[in-house]
Amino acid sequence: MIDAKKIDEIASKLNAAIPPGAKAFQEDMHAQFKQILQSMLAKMDIVTREEFDAQAKVLLRTREKIEALEQIVAKLEQKDHQK
């Protein structure tokens, strides 16, 4: 999940976009932006780059194991057909 620091950074950028006349509501808007972002991002299945990279490595190892097992099965099938 995206960390709180990133959410706060996004909320700050949104807050900076508020027109000067509405700056009196800035702190309240910042808190609301942060809360809305956290809520919306929680509903999405977003993962960090580190989590994605870790799962990609697991997937690669799994593929390598499957390929090795497929080669073993192919060799066993060849032996079976030669009998």
C-alpha atoms as a PDB file:
ATOM      1  CA  MET A   1       0.000   0.000   0.000  1.00  0.00           C
ATOM      2  CA  ILE A   2       1.146   3.575  -0.540  1.00  0.00           C
ATOM      3  CA  ASP A   3       2.670   5.003   2.614  1.00  0.00           C
ATOM      4  CA  ALA A   4       1.193   7.890   4.567  1.00  0.00           C
ATOM      5  CA  LYS A   5       4.051  10.204   3.545  1.00  0.00           C
ATOM      6  CA  LYS A   6       3.140   9.876  -0.146  1.00  0.00           C
ATOM      7  CA  ILE A   7      -0.551  10.464   0.595  1.00  0.00           C
ATOM      8  CA  ASP A   8       0.348  13.552   2.629  1.00  0.00           C
ATOM      9  CA  GLU A   9       2.533  14.784  -0.245  1.00  0.00           C
ATOM     10  CA  ILE A  10      -0.326  14.375  -2.750  1.00  0.00           C
ATOM     11  CA  ALA A  11      -2.745  16.088  -0.358  1.00  0.00           C
ATOM     12  CA  SER A  12      -0.272  18.977   0.018  1.00  0.00           C
ATOM     13  CA  LYS A  13      -0.045  19.369  -3.759  1.00  0.00           C
ATOM     14  CA  LEU A  14      -3.828  19.431  -4.018  1.00  0.00           C
ATOM     15  CA  ASN A  15      -3.937  21.910  -1.163  1.00  0.00           C
ATOM     16  CA  ALA A  16      -1.443  24.185  -2.941  1.00  0.00           C
ATOM     17  CA  ALA A  17      -3.826  24.309  -5.906  1.00  0.00           C
ATOM     18  CA  ILE A  18      -6.559  25.942  -3.818  1.00  0.00           C
ATOM     19  CA  PRO A  19      -7.214  29.536  -4.929  1.00  0.00           C
ATOM     20  CA  PRO A  20      -5.884  32.275  -2.616  1.00  0.00           C
ATOM     21  CA  GLY A  21      -9.399  33.323  -1.566  1.00  0.00           C
ATOM     22  CA  ALA A  22     -10.034  29.885  -0.097  1.00  0.00           C
ATOM     23  CA  LYS A  23      -6.788  29.653   1.890  1.00  0.00           C
ATOM     24  CA  ALA A  24      -8.750  30.106   5.139  1.00  0.00           C
ATOM     25  CA  PHE A  25     -10.005  26.561   4.636  1.00  0.00           C
ATOM     26  CA  GLN A  26      -6.557  25.225   3.752  1.00  0.00           C
ATOM     27  CA  GLU A  27      -5.925  23.104   6.851  1.00  0.00           C
ATOM     28  CA  ASP A  28      -9.400  21.610   6.773  1.00  0.00           C
ATOM     29  CA  MET A  29      -9.115  20.921   3.034  1.00  0.00           C
ATOM     30  CA  HIS A  30      -5.707  19.315   3.521  1.00  0.00           C
ATOM     31  CA  ALA A  31      -7.122  16.932   6.121  1.00  0.00           C
ATOM     32  CA  GLN A  32     -10.111  16.147   3.908  1.00  0.00           C
ATOM     33  CA  PHE A  33      -7.910  15.573   0.835  1.00  0.00           C
ATOM     34  CA  LYS A  34      -5.731  13.212   2.846  1.00  0.00           C
ATOM     35  CA  GLN A  35      -8.728  11.301   4.190  1.00  0.00           C
ATOM     36  CA  ILE A  36     -10.338  10.999   0.740  1.00  0.00           C
ATOM     37  CA  LEU A  37      -7.067   9.847  -0.831  1.00  0.00           C
ATOM     38  CA  GLN A  38      -6.530   7.235   1.870  1.00  0.00           C
ATOM     39  CA  SER A  39     -10.088   5.981   1.470  1.00  0.00           C
ATOM     40  CA  MET A  40      -9.946   5.790  -2.329  1.00  0.00           C
ATOM     41  CA  LEU A  41      -6.502   4.207  -2.438  1.00  0.00           C
ATOM     42  CA  ALA A  42      -7.554   1.629   0.159  1.00  0.00           C
ATOM     43  CA  LYS A  43     -10.343   0.530  -2.180  1.00  0.00           C
ATOM     44  CA  MET A  44      -7.856   0.055  -5.014  1.00  0.00           C
ATOM     45  CA  ASP A  45      -5.510  -2.900  -5.100  1.00  0.00           C
ATOM     46  CA  ILE A  46      -2.371  -0.790  -5.302  1.00  0.00           C
ATOM     47  CA  VAL A  47       0.960  -2.190  -4.207  1.00  0.00           C
ATOM     48  CA  THR A  48       4.335  -0.575  -3.752  1.00  0.00           C
ATOM     49  CA  ARG A  49       7.113  -1.009  -6.301  1.00  0.00           C
ATOM     50  CA  GLU A  50       8.980  -3.152  -3.757  1.00  0.00           C
ATOM     51  CA  GLU A  51       5.996  -5.508  -3.358  1.00  0.00           C
ATOM     52  CA  PHE A  52       5.583  -5.699  -7.130  1.00  0.00           C
ATOM     53  CA  ASP A  53       9.274  -6.456  -7.681  1.00  0.00           C
ATOM     54  CA  ALA A  54       9.247  -9.131  -4.971  1.00  0.00           C
ATOM     55  CA  GLN A  55       6.245 -10.857  -6.564  1.00  0.00           C
ATOM     56  CA  ALA A  56       7.861 -10.611 -10.006  1.00  0.00           C
ATOM     57  CA  LYS A  57      10.923 -12.450  -8.622  1.00  0.00           C
ATOM     58  CA  VAL A  58       8.712 -15.153  -7.109  1.00  0.00           C
ATOM     59  CA  LEU A  59       6.908 -15.539 -10.427  1.00  0.00           C
ATOM     60  CA  LEU A  60      10.205 -15.825 -12.314  1.00  0.00           C
ATOM     61  CA  ARG A  61      11.458 -18.554  -9.952  1.00  0.00           C
ATOM     62  CA  THR A  62       8.150 -20.383 -10.321  1.00  0.00           C
ATOM     63  CA  ARG A  63       8.375 -20.239 -14.115  1.00  0.00           C
ATOM     64  CA  GLU A  64      11.925 -21.570 -13.995  1.00  0.00           C
ATOM     65  CA  LYS A  65      10.822 -24.486 -11.796  1.00  0.00           C
ATOM     66  CA  ILE A  66       7.897 -25.263 -14.119  1.00  0.00           C
ATOM     67  CA  GLU A  67      10.199 -25.263 -17.156  1.00  0.00           C
ATOM     68  CA  ALA A  68      12.601 -27.619 -15.379  1.00  0.00           C
ATOM     69  CA  LEU A  69       9.743 -29.937 -14.422  1.00  0.00           C
ATOM     70  CA  GLU A  70       8.412 -29.865 -18.001  1.00  0.00           C
ATOM     71  CA  GLN A  71      11.820 -30.977 -19.248  1.00  0.00           C
ATOM     72  CA  ILE A  72      11.893 -33.831 -16.741  1.00  0.00           C
ATOM     73  CA  VAL A  73       8.390 -34.925 -17.765  1.00  0.00           C
ATOM     74  CA  ALA A  74       9.346 -34.793 -21.447  1.00  0.00           C
ATOM     75  CA  LYS A  75      12.391 -36.997 -20.803  1.00  0.00           C
ATOM     76  CA  LEU A  76      10.304 -39.478 -18.814  1.00  0.00           C
ATOM     77  CA  GLU A  77       7.705 -39.584 -21.603  1.00  0.00           C
ATOM     78  CA  GLN A  78      10.450 -40.258 -24.167  1.00  0.00           C
ATOM     79  CA  LYS A  79      11.765 -43.139 -22.073  1.00  0.00           C
ATOM     80  CA  ASP A  80       8.238 -44.513 -21.709  1.00  0.00           C
ATOM     81  CA  HIS A  81       7.665 -44.374 -25.468  1.00  0.00           C
ATOM     82  CA  GLN A  82      10.990 -46.087 -26.176  1.00  0.00           C
ATOM     83  CA  LYS A  83       9.986 -49.169 -24.194  1.00  0.00           C
END
